[in-house]
């Protein structure tokens, strides 16, 4: 990590409808990737959750970080709806290059992601 980089911060909050929002802030790189993957994988054990991963606070993501996001999201998707949202221009470009939206639902805004997560969760529980 360089002197001007910021470590990854991961916070969790549940909205009134039960959607779990995982907010990522800082840099998602080879140093922070294992922690993110483990924490997202832990969520995967809770069936029926709707999860939104808010990446609007990410300032940087590398390939290791991207892999951890995908692996953690796949663990969640096994039992719950998951949507990634809020990517900055830089992070969105990385998502576009690797075609993340072909693997995980990606929405541009948190509001759209919350709506999509609720819809996906309702559809899978029907």
C-alpha atoms as a PDB file:
ATOM      1  CA  UNK A   1       0.000   0.000   0.000  1.00  0.00           C
ATOM      2  CA  UNK A   2       1.337   3.426  -0.837  1.00  0.00           C
ATOM      3  CA  UNK A   3       1.423   6.316   1.623  1.00  0.00           C
ATOM      4  CA  UNK A   4      -1.639   7.939   0.059  1.00  0.00           C
ATOM      5  CA  UNK A   5      -3.758   4.784  -0.100  1.00  0.00           C
ATOM      6  CA  UNK A   6      -6.542   3.983   2.300  1.00  0.00           C
ATOM      7  CA  UNK A   7      -7.188   0.539   3.728  1.00  0.00           C
ATOM      8  CA  UNK A   8     -10.476  -1.159   3.016  1.00  0.00           C
ATOM      9  CA  UNK A   9     -13.297  -0.521   5.434  1.00  0.00           C
ATOM     10  CA  UNK A  10     -16.274  -2.898   5.407  1.00  0.00           C
ATOM     11  CA  UNK A  11     -19.496  -1.929   7.161  1.00  0.00           C
ATOM     12  CA  UNK A  12     -22.834  -3.687   7.434  1.00  0.00           C
ATOM     13  CA  UNK A  13     -26.319  -2.177   7.853  1.00  0.00           C
ATOM     14  CA  UNK A  14     -29.785  -3.642   7.425  1.00  0.00           C
ATOM     15  CA  UNK A  15     -32.580  -1.461   6.066  1.00  0.00           C
ATOM     16  CA  UNK A  16     -36.201  -1.587   7.215  1.00  0.00           C
ATOM     17  CA  UNK A  17     -37.076  -4.207   4.606  1.00  0.00           C
ATOM     18  CA  UNK A  18     -34.281  -6.519   5.703  1.00  0.00           C
ATOM     19  CA  UNK A  19     -31.867  -5.792   2.845  1.00  0.00           C
ATOM     20  CA  UNK A  20     -28.303  -6.111   4.102  1.00  0.00           C
ATOM     21  CA  UNK A  21     -26.064  -3.354   2.740  1.00  0.00           C
ATOM     22  CA  UNK A  22     -22.342  -4.084   2.719  1.00  0.00           C
ATOM     23  CA  UNK A  23     -20.525  -0.789   2.170  1.00  0.00           C
ATOM     24  CA  UNK A  24     -16.924  -0.883   0.952  1.00  0.00           C
ATOM     25  CA  UNK A  25     -14.679   2.156   1.388  1.00  0.00           C
ATOM     26  CA  UNK A  26     -11.026   2.565   0.437  1.00  0.00           C
ATOM     27  CA  UNK A  27      -8.885   0.229  -1.639  1.00  0.00           C
ATOM     28  CA  UNK A  28      -9.849  -3.333  -2.488  1.00  0.00           C
ATOM     29  CA  UNK A  29      -6.534  -4.943  -3.356  1.00  0.00           C
ATOM     30  CA  UNK A  30      -4.389  -7.984  -2.654  1.00  0.00           C
ATOM     31  CA  UNK A  31      -4.007  -6.928   0.989  1.00  0.00           C
ATOM     32  CA  UNK A  32      -7.709  -6.520   1.741  1.00  0.00           C
ATOM     33  CA  UNK A  33      -9.179  -9.116  -0.637  1.00  0.00           C
ATOM     34  CA  UNK A  34      -8.994 -12.136   1.712  1.00  0.00           C
ATOM     35  CA  UNK A  35     -10.906 -10.301   4.461  1.00  0.00           C
ATOM     36  CA  UNK A  36     -13.654  -9.211   2.063  1.00  0.00           C
ATOM     37  CA  UNK A  37     -14.038 -12.685   0.594  1.00  0.00           C
ATOM     38  CA  UNK A  38     -14.297 -14.265   4.056  1.00  0.00           C
ATOM     39  CA  UNK A  39     -16.809 -11.700   5.287  1.00  0.00           C
ATOM     40  CA  UNK A  40     -19.002 -12.007   2.193  1.00  0.00           C
ATOM     41  CA  UNK A  41     -18.811 -15.800   2.344  1.00  0.00           C
ATOM     42  CA  UNK A  42     -20.069 -15.667   5.952  1.00  0.00           C
ATOM     43  CA  UNK A  43     -23.186 -13.832   4.744  1.00  0.00           C
ATOM     44  CA  UNK A  44     -23.822 -16.648   2.285  1.00  0.00           C
ATOM     45  CA  UNK A  45     -24.769 -18.901   5.187  1.00  0.00           C
ATOM     46  CA  UNK A  46     -27.883 -16.859   5.956  1.00  0.00           C
ATOM     47  CA  UNK A  47     -30.643 -18.045   3.573  1.00  0.00           C
ATOM     48  CA  UNK A  48     -33.131 -15.546   2.244  1.00  0.00           C
ATOM     49  CA  UNK A  49     -31.055 -12.413   2.671  1.00  0.00           C
ATOM     50  CA  UNK A  50     -31.159  -9.748   0.048  1.00  0.00           C
ATOM     51  CA  UNK A  51     -27.690  -8.197  -0.126  1.00  0.00           C
ATOM     52  CA  UNK A  52     -26.462  -5.004  -1.753  1.00  0.00           C
ATOM     53  CA  UNK A  53     -22.718  -4.466  -1.981  1.00  0.00           C
ATOM     54  CA  UNK A  54     -22.170  -0.708  -2.139  1.00  0.00           C
ATOM     55  CA  UNK A  55     -18.875  -0.048  -3.910  1.00  0.00           C
ATOM     56  CA  UNK A  56     -19.368   3.722  -4.184  1.00  0.00           C
ATOM     57  CA  UNK A  57     -16.648   4.277  -1.574  1.00  0.00           C
ATOM     58  CA  UNK A  58     -13.995   2.259  -3.386  1.00  0.00           C
ATOM     59  CA  UNK A  59     -11.130   4.373  -4.658  1.00  0.00           C
ATOM     60  CA  UNK A  60      -9.222   1.466  -6.195  1.00  0.00           C
ATOM     61  CA  UNK A  61      -9.770  -2.180  -7.102  1.00  0.00           C
ATOM     62  CA  UNK A  62      -7.211  -4.619  -8.498  1.00  0.00           C
ATOM     63  CA  UNK A  63      -7.660  -8.096  -9.956  1.00  0.00           C
ATOM     64  CA  UNK A  64      -7.275  -9.800  -6.578  1.00  0.00           C
ATOM     65  CA  UNK A  65      -9.914  -7.512  -5.099  1.00  0.00           C
ATOM     66  CA  UNK A  66     -12.217  -8.158  -8.019  1.00  0.00           C
ATOM     67  CA  UNK A  67     -11.777 -11.914  -7.606  1.00  0.00           C
ATOM     68  CA  UNK A  68     -12.625 -11.656  -3.903  1.00  0.00           C
ATOM     69  CA  UNK A  69     -15.767  -9.676  -4.704  1.00  0.00           C
ATOM     70  CA  UNK A  70     -16.871 -12.251  -7.265  1.00  0.00           C
ATOM     71  CA  UNK A  71     -16.089 -15.249  -5.007  1.00  0.00           C
ATOM     72  CA  UNK A  72     -17.883 -13.678  -2.059  1.00  0.00           C
ATOM     73  CA  UNK A  73     -20.851 -12.728  -4.223  1.00  0.00           C
ATOM     74  CA  UNK A  74     -21.114 -16.271  -5.570  1.00  0.00           C
ATOM     75  CA  UNK A  75     -21.174 -17.618  -2.016  1.00  0.00           C
ATOM     76  CA  UNK A  76     -24.008 -15.237  -1.170  1.00  0.00           C
ATOM     77  CA  UNK A  77     -25.861 -15.989  -4.401  1.00  0.00           C
ATOM     78  CA  UNK A  78     -26.077 -19.656  -3.440  1.00  0.00           C
ATOM     79  CA  UNK A  79     -28.731 -18.753  -0.838  1.00  0.00           C
ATOM     80  CA  UNK A  80     -29.612 -15.087  -1.337  1.00  0.00           C
ATOM     81  CA  UNK A  81     -30.147 -12.308  -3.841  1.00  0.00           C
ATOM     82  CA  UNK A  82     -27.119 -10.050  -4.359  1.00  0.00           C
ATOM     83  CA  UNK A  83     -26.642  -6.814  -6.278  1.00  0.00           C
ATOM     84  CA  UNK A  84     -23.502  -4.677  -6.604  1.00  0.00           C
ATOM     85  CA  UNK A  85     -24.065  -0.925  -6.870  1.00  0.00           C
ATOM     86  CA  UNK A  86     -22.641   2.549  -6.888  1.00  0.00           C
ATOM     87  CA  UNK A  87     -19.413   2.043  -8.798  1.00  0.00           C
ATOM     88  CA  UNK A  88     -17.342   5.137  -9.507  1.00  0.00           C
ATOM     89  CA  UNK A  89     -16.301   5.780 -13.090  1.00  0.00           C
ATOM     90  CA  UNK A  90     -12.972   3.973 -12.532  1.00  0.00           C
ATOM     91  CA  UNK A  91     -14.481   0.958 -10.776  1.00  0.00           C
ATOM     92  CA  UNK A  92     -17.356   0.765 -13.275  1.00  0.00           C
ATOM     93  CA  UNK A  93     -14.807   0.667 -16.084  1.00  0.00           C
ATOM     94  CA  UNK A  94     -13.059  -2.298 -14.445  1.00  0.00           C
ATOM     95  CA  UNK A  95     -16.433  -4.040 -14.055  1.00  0.00           C
ATOM     96  CA  UNK A  96     -17.171  -3.366 -17.730  1.00  0.00           C
ATOM     97  CA  UNK A  97     -13.807  -4.719 -18.912  1.00  0.00           C
ATOM     98  CA  UNK A  98     -14.240  -8.005 -17.023  1.00  0.00           C
ATOM     99  CA  UNK A  99     -17.955  -8.204 -17.845  1.00  0.00           C
ATOM    100  CA  UNK A 100     -18.935  -8.476 -14.192  1.00  0.00           C
ATOM    101  CA  UNK A 101     -22.593  -7.872 -15.036  1.00  0.00           C
ATOM    102  CA  UNK A 102     -22.633 -11.239 -16.824  1.00  0.00           C
ATOM    103  CA  UNK A 103     -21.918 -12.914 -13.464  1.00  0.00           C
ATOM    104  CA  UNK A 104     -23.426 -10.615 -10.836  1.00  0.00           C
ATOM    105  CA  UNK A 105     -26.260  -8.135 -11.107  1.00  0.00           C
ATOM    106  CA  UNK A 106     -24.805  -4.601 -11.199  1.00  0.00           C
ATOM    107  CA  UNK A 107     -26.839  -1.408 -10.798  1.00  0.00           C
ATOM    108  CA  UNK A 108     -25.545   2.130 -11.120  1.00  0.00           C
ATOM    109  CA  UNK A 109     -27.326   3.528  -8.047  1.00  0.00           C
ATOM    110  CA  UNK A 110     -27.889   2.257  -4.543  1.00  0.00           C
ATOM    111  CA  UNK A 111     -31.621   2.928  -4.890  1.00  0.00           C
ATOM    112  CA  UNK A 112     -31.863   0.772  -8.015  1.00  0.00           C
ATOM    113  CA  UNK A 113     -29.812  -1.946  -6.320  1.00  0.00           C
ATOM    114  CA  UNK A 114     -32.055  -1.968  -3.237  1.00  0.00           C
ATOM    115  CA  UNK A 115     -35.137  -2.302  -5.445  1.00  0.00           C
ATOM    116  CA  UNK A 116     -33.519  -5.066  -7.508  1.00  0.00           C
ATOM    117  CA  UNK A 117     -32.362  -6.966  -4.406  1.00  0.00           C
ATOM    118  CA  UNK A 118     -35.882  -6.878  -2.927  1.00  0.00           C
ATOM    119  CA  UNK A 119     -37.374  -8.064  -6.238  1.00  0.00           C
ATOM    120  CA  UNK A 120     -34.776 -10.841  -6.642  1.00  0.00           C
ATOM    121  CA  UNK A 121     -35.286 -11.944  -3.042  1.00  0.00           C
ATOM    122  CA  UNK A 122     -39.069 -12.038  -3.455  1.00  0.00           C
ATOM    123  CA  UNK A 123     -38.820 -13.991  -6.709  1.00  0.00           C
ATOM    124  CA  UNK A 124     -36.471 -16.598  -5.208  1.00  0.00           C
ATOM    125  CA  UNK A 125     -38.644 -17.119  -2.113  1.00  0.00           C
ATOM    126  CA  UNK A 126     -41.808 -17.660  -4.191  1.00  0.00           C
END
